[in-house]
Amino acid sequence: MIQKSIQIKLETGLEARPVAMLVQVASQFDSKVYINSGAKKVNAKSIMGMMSLGLDNGEEVTVSADGNDEEAAVAEIEKFLSGK
């Protein structure tokens, strides 16, 4: 299992469309992928879970992944959240 702190650099934060795109990115991987924000930990492959976080631009989250492609999963999510 690996974890990485990432600052969200999306102009609109994580509204409906960016959340849907993030879920698509996370769903490409076999690993279990989670986003931690404060005391909340949600499955990054769950649209409803991700929407419940209500994340804004500039907030810091911890992305964790566990599985055979965990490093690639965290790298792609970091790329997405960094606005690249």
C-alpha atoms as a PDB file:
ATOM      1  CA  MET A   1       0.000   0.000   0.000  1.00  0.00           C
ATOM      2  CA  ILE A   2       1.255   3.455  -0.854  1.00  0.00           C
ATOM      3  CA  GLN A   3       0.013   6.876   0.192  1.00  0.00           C
ATOM      4  CA  LYS A   4       0.685  10.356  -1.106  1.00  0.00           C
ATOM      5  CA  SER A   5      -0.476  13.814  -0.058  1.00  0.00           C
ATOM      6  CA  ILE A   6      -1.688  15.858  -3.012  1.00  0.00           C
ATOM      7  CA  GLN A   7      -2.916  19.431  -3.247  1.00  0.00           C
ATOM      8  CA  ILE A   8      -5.934  19.886  -5.523  1.00  0.00           C
ATOM      9  CA  LYS A   9      -5.124  22.301  -8.331  1.00  0.00           C
ATOM     10  CA  LEU A  10      -8.389  22.290 -10.265  1.00  0.00           C
ATOM     11  CA  GLU A  11      -9.910  25.724 -10.812  1.00  0.00           C
ATOM     12  CA  THR A  12     -13.442  24.611  -9.961  1.00  0.00           C
ATOM     13  CA  GLY A  13     -12.442  22.136  -7.252  1.00  0.00           C
ATOM     14  CA  LEU A  14     -14.108  18.746  -7.377  1.00  0.00           C
ATOM     15  CA  GLU A  15     -17.577  19.479  -8.685  1.00  0.00           C
ATOM     16  CA  ALA A  16     -19.730  16.923 -10.531  1.00  0.00           C
ATOM     17  CA  ARG A  17     -17.819  16.776 -13.824  1.00  0.00           C
ATOM     18  CA  PRO A  18     -14.285  16.633 -12.344  1.00  0.00           C
ATOM     19  CA  VAL A  19     -15.478  14.019  -9.825  1.00  0.00           C
ATOM     20  CA  ALA A  20     -16.853  11.867 -12.649  1.00  0.00           C
ATOM     21  CA  MET A  21     -13.539  12.199 -14.505  1.00  0.00           C
ATOM     22  CA  LEU A  22     -11.560  11.310 -11.351  1.00  0.00           C
ATOM     23  CA  VAL A  23     -13.724   8.222 -10.806  1.00  0.00           C
ATOM     24  CA  GLN A  24     -13.002   7.182 -14.418  1.00  0.00           C
ATOM     25  CA  VAL A  25      -9.259   7.592 -13.829  1.00  0.00           C
ATOM     26  CA  ALA A  26      -9.388   5.560 -10.596  1.00  0.00           C
ATOM     27  CA  SER A  27     -11.572   2.863 -12.189  1.00  0.00           C
ATOM     28  CA  GLN A  28      -8.891   2.105 -14.793  1.00  0.00           C
ATOM     29  CA  PHE A  29      -6.841   0.374 -12.097  1.00  0.00           C
ATOM     30  CA  ASP A  30      -7.273  -2.955 -10.331  1.00  0.00           C
ATOM     31  CA  SER A  31      -5.955  -1.541  -7.049  1.00  0.00           C
ATOM     32  CA  LYS A  32      -8.244  -0.336  -4.292  1.00  0.00           C
ATOM     33  CA  VAL A  33      -7.972   3.461  -4.354  1.00  0.00           C
ATOM     34  CA  TYR A  34      -9.058   5.766  -1.533  1.00  0.00           C
ATOM     35  CA  ILE A  35      -9.096   9.529  -0.985  1.00  0.00           C
ATOM     36  CA  ASN A  36      -8.688  10.792   2.588  1.00  0.00           C
ATOM     37  CA  SER A  37      -9.780  14.291   3.540  1.00  0.00           C
ATOM     38  CA  GLY A  38      -9.765  15.110   7.227  1.00  0.00           C
ATOM     39  CA  ALA A  39     -11.527  12.267   9.031  1.00  0.00           C
ATOM     40  CA  LYS A  40     -13.281  11.009   5.885  1.00  0.00           C
ATOM     41  CA  LYS A  41     -11.961   8.164   3.746  1.00  0.00           C
ATOM     42  CA  VAL A  42     -13.858   7.307   0.559  1.00  0.00           C
ATOM     43  CA  ASN A  43     -13.456   4.921  -2.330  1.00  0.00           C
ATOM     44  CA  ALA A  44     -12.106   6.943  -5.282  1.00  0.00           C
ATOM     45  CA  LYS A  45     -14.136   4.713  -7.621  1.00  0.00           C
ATOM     46  CA  SER A  46     -17.420   5.863  -6.037  1.00  0.00           C
ATOM     47  CA  ILE A  47     -19.039   8.974  -7.491  1.00  0.00           C
ATOM     48  CA  MET A  48     -21.323   9.425  -4.472  1.00  0.00           C
ATOM     49  CA  GLY A  49     -18.443   8.953  -2.055  1.00  0.00           C
ATOM     50  CA  MET A  50     -16.276  11.477  -3.864  1.00  0.00           C
ATOM     51  CA  MET A  51     -19.119  14.019  -4.088  1.00  0.00           C
ATOM     52  CA  SER A  52     -19.629  13.722  -0.318  1.00  0.00           C
ATOM     53  CA  LEU A  53     -16.140  15.130   0.274  1.00  0.00           C
ATOM     54  CA  GLY A  54     -16.966  18.484  -1.357  1.00  0.00           C
ATOM     55  CA  LEU A  55     -13.332  19.271  -2.117  1.00  0.00           C
ATOM     56  CA  ASP A  56     -12.218  22.692  -3.325  1.00  0.00           C
ATOM     57  CA  ASN A  57      -9.190  24.019  -5.170  1.00  0.00           C
ATOM     58  CA  GLY A  58      -6.169  24.267  -2.871  1.00  0.00           C
ATOM     59  CA  GLU A  59      -7.292  21.598  -0.418  1.00  0.00           C
ATOM     60  CA  GLU A  60      -4.897  18.826   0.536  1.00  0.00           C
ATOM     61  CA  VAL A  61      -5.949  15.173   0.325  1.00  0.00           C
ATOM     62  CA  THR A  62      -4.175  11.872   0.842  1.00  0.00           C
ATOM     63  CA  VAL A  63      -4.482   9.332  -1.943  1.00  0.00           C
ATOM     64  CA  SER A  64      -3.855   5.722  -1.012  1.00  0.00           C
ATOM     65  CA  ALA A  65      -3.809   2.663  -3.221  1.00  0.00           C
ATOM     66  CA  ASP A  66      -3.355  -1.023  -2.534  1.00  0.00           C
ATOM     67  CA  GLY A  67      -2.850  -3.589  -5.273  1.00  0.00           C
ATOM     68  CA  ASN A  68      -0.665  -4.698  -8.148  1.00  0.00           C
ATOM     69  CA  ASP A  69      -0.850  -1.348  -9.978  1.00  0.00           C
ATOM     70  CA  GLU A  70      -0.926   0.944  -6.928  1.00  0.00           C
ATOM     71  CA  GLU A  71       1.985   3.152  -8.016  1.00  0.00           C
ATOM     72  CA  ALA A  72       0.463   3.836 -11.430  1.00  0.00           C
ATOM     73  CA  ALA A  73      -2.930   4.540  -9.842  1.00  0.00           C
ATOM     74  CA  VAL A  74      -1.543   7.140  -7.427  1.00  0.00           C
ATOM     75  CA  ALA A  75       0.566   8.726 -10.183  1.00  0.00           C
ATOM     76  CA  GLU A  76      -2.425   9.125 -12.529  1.00  0.00           C
ATOM     77  CA  ILE A  77      -4.666  10.524  -9.793  1.00  0.00           C
ATOM     78  CA  GLU A  78      -1.924  12.968  -8.790  1.00  0.00           C
ATOM     79  CA  LYS A  79      -1.624  14.056 -12.431  1.00  0.00           C
ATOM     80  CA  PHE A  80      -5.378  14.616 -12.644  1.00  0.00           C
ATOM     81  CA  LEU A  81      -5.697  16.489  -9.343  1.00  0.00           C
ATOM     82  CA  SER A  82      -2.700  18.670 -10.235  1.00  0.00           C
ATOM     83  CA  GLY A  83      -4.520  19.851 -13.351  1.00  0.00           C
ATOM     84  CA  LYS A  84      -1.991  18.354 -15.765  1.00  0.00           C
END
